[in-house]
Protein backbone atom coordinates (compact mmCIF):
# COMPACT_ATOMS: atom_id res chain seq x y z
CA MET A 1 77.82 139.78 9.71
CA LYS A 2 78.81 139.61 13.37
CA ARG A 3 82.21 138.10 14.22
CA TYR A 4 82.63 136.41 17.58
CA LYS A 5 85.77 136.34 19.72
CA ALA A 6 84.53 133.65 22.11
CA VAL A 7 82.15 130.69 22.11
CA ILE A 8 80.85 129.38 25.43
CA PHE A 9 79.46 125.85 25.48
CA ASP A 10 77.01 124.14 27.77
CA TRP A 11 78.18 120.56 28.42
CA ASP A 12 75.48 117.91 28.93
CA GLY A 13 73.33 117.54 25.84
CA THR A 14 75.45 120.01 23.88
CA VAL A 15 78.99 118.67 23.89
CA MET A 16 78.33 115.27 25.47
CA ASP A 17 75.51 112.84 24.70
CA SER A 18 74.56 112.41 28.35
CA THR A 19 70.89 113.46 28.47
CA ALA A 20 69.53 109.91 28.69
CA SER A 21 71.96 108.99 31.48
CA ILE A 22 70.91 112.02 33.53
CA VAL A 23 67.20 111.30 33.06
CA ARG A 24 67.61 107.65 34.06
CA ALA A 25 69.65 108.62 37.13
CA ILE A 26 67.03 111.14 38.30
CA GLN A 27 64.23 108.63 37.85
CA ALA A 28 66.16 105.82 39.56
CA ALA A 29 67.06 108.05 42.53
CA CYS A 30 63.38 108.91 42.96
CA THR A 31 62.53 105.21 42.91
CA ASP A 32 65.20 104.47 45.53
CA LEU A 33 63.73 107.11 47.85
CA GLU A 34 60.14 106.01 47.11
CA LEU A 35 59.29 109.36 45.57
CA PRO A 36 57.01 109.94 42.57
CA VAL A 37 59.04 109.26 39.44
CA PRO A 38 59.08 112.22 37.03
CA SER A 39 58.32 111.72 33.37
CA MET A 40 61.15 111.71 30.87
CA GLU A 41 60.05 115.18 29.74
CA ASP A 42 60.10 116.62 33.28
CA ALA A 43 63.42 114.97 34.14
CA SER A 44 65.08 116.22 30.96
CA TRP A 45 63.67 119.73 31.41
CA VAL A 46 65.73 120.28 34.58
CA ILE A 47 69.06 119.42 32.95
CA GLY A 48 71.37 122.40 33.24
CA LEU A 49 69.69 123.92 36.28
CA SER A 50 71.33 124.22 39.66
CA LEU A 51 70.78 121.20 41.90
CA LYS A 52 68.29 122.99 44.17
CA GLU A 53 66.12 124.18 41.28
CA ALA A 54 66.29 120.78 39.60
CA LEU A 55 65.12 119.00 42.72
CA MET A 56 62.25 121.44 43.26
CA ARG A 57 61.04 120.69 39.74
CA CYS A 58 61.49 116.92 39.41
CA ALA A 59 61.17 115.84 43.06
CA PRO A 60 58.97 118.46 44.76
CA SER A 61 58.07 116.13 47.64
CA LEU A 62 61.73 115.57 48.56
CA LYS A 63 62.39 116.63 52.16
CA GLU A 64 65.46 118.59 53.19
CA ASP A 65 66.94 115.71 55.16
CA GLN A 66 66.57 113.43 52.11
CA VAL A 67 68.66 115.61 49.83
CA PRO A 68 72.08 114.05 50.66
CA ARG A 69 70.74 110.54 50.02
CA PHE A 70 69.06 111.63 46.79
CA ILE A 71 72.35 113.10 45.55
CA ASP A 72 74.20 109.94 46.53
CA ARG A 73 71.73 107.70 44.69
CA TYR A 74 71.67 110.00 41.68
CA ARG A 75 75.46 109.86 41.40
CA HIS A 76 75.42 106.10 41.84
CA HIS A 77 73.03 105.60 38.94
CA PHE A 78 74.66 108.28 36.78
CA PHE A 79 78.09 106.69 37.02
CA LEU A 80 76.63 103.27 36.20
CA HIS A 81 76.10 104.64 32.69
CA ASP A 82 79.33 106.62 32.58
CA ARG A 83 80.87 104.61 29.76
CA GLN A 84 77.79 105.08 27.60
CA GLN A 85 78.35 108.82 27.53
CA VAL A 86 80.25 109.97 24.47
CA LEU A 87 81.09 113.28 22.88
CA PHE A 88 78.88 114.25 19.97
CA ASP A 89 80.54 113.54 16.65
CA GLY A 90 82.49 116.51 15.36
CA VAL A 91 82.76 118.58 18.54
CA VAL A 92 86.50 118.01 19.09
CA PRO A 93 87.43 119.00 15.50
CA LEU A 94 85.19 122.04 15.97
CA PHE A 95 87.06 123.01 19.15
CA GLU A 96 90.35 122.64 17.30
CA GLN A 97 89.15 124.74 14.37
CA LEU A 98 87.94 127.51 16.65
CA LYS A 99 91.23 127.56 18.56
CA GLN A 100 93.16 127.75 15.28
CA HIS A 101 91.25 130.95 14.55
CA ASP A 102 92.13 132.37 17.99
CA ILE A 103 88.57 132.03 19.27
CA ARG A 104 88.39 131.84 23.06
CA LEU A 105 86.47 128.83 24.34
CA GLY A 106 84.57 128.42 27.58
CA VAL A 107 82.13 126.16 29.38
CA ALA A 108 79.10 127.25 31.41
CA THR A 109 77.47 124.17 32.88
CA GLY A 110 75.08 122.89 35.51
CA LYS A 111 77.64 120.20 36.34
CA SER A 112 79.66 120.42 39.53
CA ARG A 113 83.29 121.50 39.36
CA LEU A 114 84.33 117.98 40.30
CA GLY A 115 82.14 116.51 37.58
CA LEU A 116 83.33 118.87 34.86
CA ASN A 117 87.01 118.45 35.72
CA ARG A 118 86.55 114.70 35.74
CA VAL A 119 85.05 114.57 32.25
CA LEU A 120 87.50 117.12 30.79
CA GLU A 121 90.43 115.09 32.05
CA ALA A 122 88.92 111.78 30.91
CA HIS A 123 88.56 113.08 27.36
CA GLN A 124 91.78 115.14 27.43
CA LEU A 125 89.91 118.37 26.68
CA THR A 126 91.08 120.63 29.51
CA HIS A 127 93.56 122.49 27.32
CA HIS A 128 90.87 123.51 24.84
CA PHE A 129 89.09 125.85 27.26
CA ASP A 130 90.21 129.28 28.42
CA CYS A 131 87.62 129.58 31.20
CA THR A 132 84.94 127.36 32.74
CA ARG A 133 82.18 127.93 35.28
CA CYS A 134 80.02 125.41 37.13
CA ALA A 135 76.72 125.67 38.98
CA ASP A 136 78.24 124.85 42.36
CA GLU A 137 80.65 127.81 42.31
CA THR A 138 78.31 130.62 41.27
CA GLU A 139 74.62 131.22 40.46
CA GLY A 140 72.96 128.49 38.40
CA LYS A 141 71.22 128.95 35.07
CA PRO A 142 69.31 130.87 33.89
CA HIS A 143 70.99 133.50 36.08
CA PRO A 144 73.64 135.22 33.92
CA ALA A 145 76.42 135.10 36.55
CA MET A 146 78.38 132.33 34.83
CA LEU A 147 78.58 134.31 31.60
CA PHE A 148 79.37 137.57 33.38
CA GLU A 149 82.23 135.89 35.24
CA ILE A 150 83.61 134.27 32.09
CA MET A 151 83.45 137.56 30.19
CA GLU A 152 85.20 139.38 33.01
CA THR A 153 87.95 136.76 33.18
CA LEU A 154 88.51 136.81 29.41
CA ASP A 155 88.07 140.60 29.10
CA LEU A 156 85.23 140.32 26.61
CA GLU A 157 82.13 142.35 25.83
CA PRO A 158 78.70 140.67 25.42
CA GLU A 159 78.57 141.40 21.68
CA GLN A 160 81.80 139.39 21.22
CA VAL A 161 80.37 136.21 22.76
CA LEU A 162 78.12 133.36 21.61
CA MET A 163 76.52 130.92 24.07
CA VAL A 164 75.77 127.41 22.74
CA GLY A 165 73.35 125.15 24.60
CA ASP A 166 70.55 122.61 24.33
CA THR A 167 68.05 124.06 26.80
CA THR A 168 65.97 127.16 27.33
CA HIS A 169 68.01 127.71 30.50
CA ASP A 170 71.07 128.34 28.30
CA VAL A 171 69.19 130.68 26.00
CA LYS A 172 67.64 132.65 28.86
CA MET A 173 71.03 132.95 30.58
CA ALA A 174 72.53 134.32 27.36
CA THR A 175 69.68 136.78 26.89
CA ALA A 176 70.03 138.01 30.48
CA ALA A 177 73.76 138.56 29.89
CA GLY A 178 73.21 140.40 26.60
CA VAL A 179 74.89 137.57 24.69
CA ASP A 180 73.81 135.91 21.43
CA SER A 181 72.66 132.30 21.75
CA MET A 182 72.77 129.19 19.60
CA ALA A 183 70.24 126.51 20.55
CA VAL A 184 70.95 122.94 19.49
CA THR A 185 67.93 120.72 18.93
CA TYR A 186 69.62 117.35 19.54
CA GLY A 187 69.77 117.66 23.35
CA ALA A 188 67.41 117.84 26.31
CA HIS A 189 64.80 120.36 25.15
CA SER A 190 62.62 119.99 22.08
CA LYS A 191 62.79 122.32 19.10
CA ARG A 192 59.34 123.68 19.97
CA THR A 193 60.41 124.45 23.57
CA LEU A 194 63.63 126.07 22.40
CA LEU A 195 61.81 128.27 19.89
CA MET A 196 59.77 129.79 22.72
CA SER A 197 62.97 131.12 24.31
CA GLN A 198 63.89 132.94 21.07
CA PRO A 199 67.54 131.99 20.53
CA THR A 200 69.63 133.95 18.03
CA VAL A 201 69.96 130.83 15.89
CA MET A 202 69.00 127.15 16.05
CA VAL A 203 70.95 124.20 14.63
CA SER A 204 70.15 120.51 14.45
CA SER A 205 73.65 119.03 14.39
CA VAL A 206 77.30 119.72 15.17
CA ARG A 207 77.91 119.86 11.41
CA GLU A 208 75.33 122.63 11.05
CA MET A 209 76.83 124.38 14.08
CA ARG A 210 80.28 124.26 12.52
CA HIS A 211 79.00 125.61 9.19
CA TRP A 212 77.27 128.55 10.89
CA LEU A 213 80.27 129.37 13.07
CA THR A 214 82.83 129.06 10.27
CA ALA A 215 81.17 131.95 8.42
CA ARG A 216 81.57 134.09 11.55
CA LEU A 217 85.20 133.46 12.47
């Protein structure tokens, strides 16, 4: 059985229950700019992508000069629901258990650096993570750059790392980096969609995630 030395987590939809807030913010921003409103499925599919790729998918008629206003309206609506966003039950004890076993922890997220730092500080989680990468400081998912940079910083080989995420973008990024992947089915992408990306393993809850990881510490 493979033993991992590091676990890298996606954030939205994996660690934090924020999928619905993101979808609502995307749809509301489109309404504000009088753009076609994407379906819930299309809006949730883009979660985790870089901003440019997300906009091309969910707001293809958005013009270049409208981008700053779209971002402003998106942030406005997203922060309206800020207090509704909570960590999934059991993730903090899982982080603590992994750290007790000297497992390195990281984050690879489509969030901005400002956004990730803000939420880490708000939930007092900064100290749990050895390395984090955001979409606005390197290539966005599913490009493997975030994982390559984290592995280089932590001096790890791909076979020592597990990537945990709720979208096919996470799984494809892991595959491109030569890293095993765990897909969680409680986030943005459906179980059927995730299966198509062929993750190493799929789990339906943080409890199931913890059970699977505990056997591999």
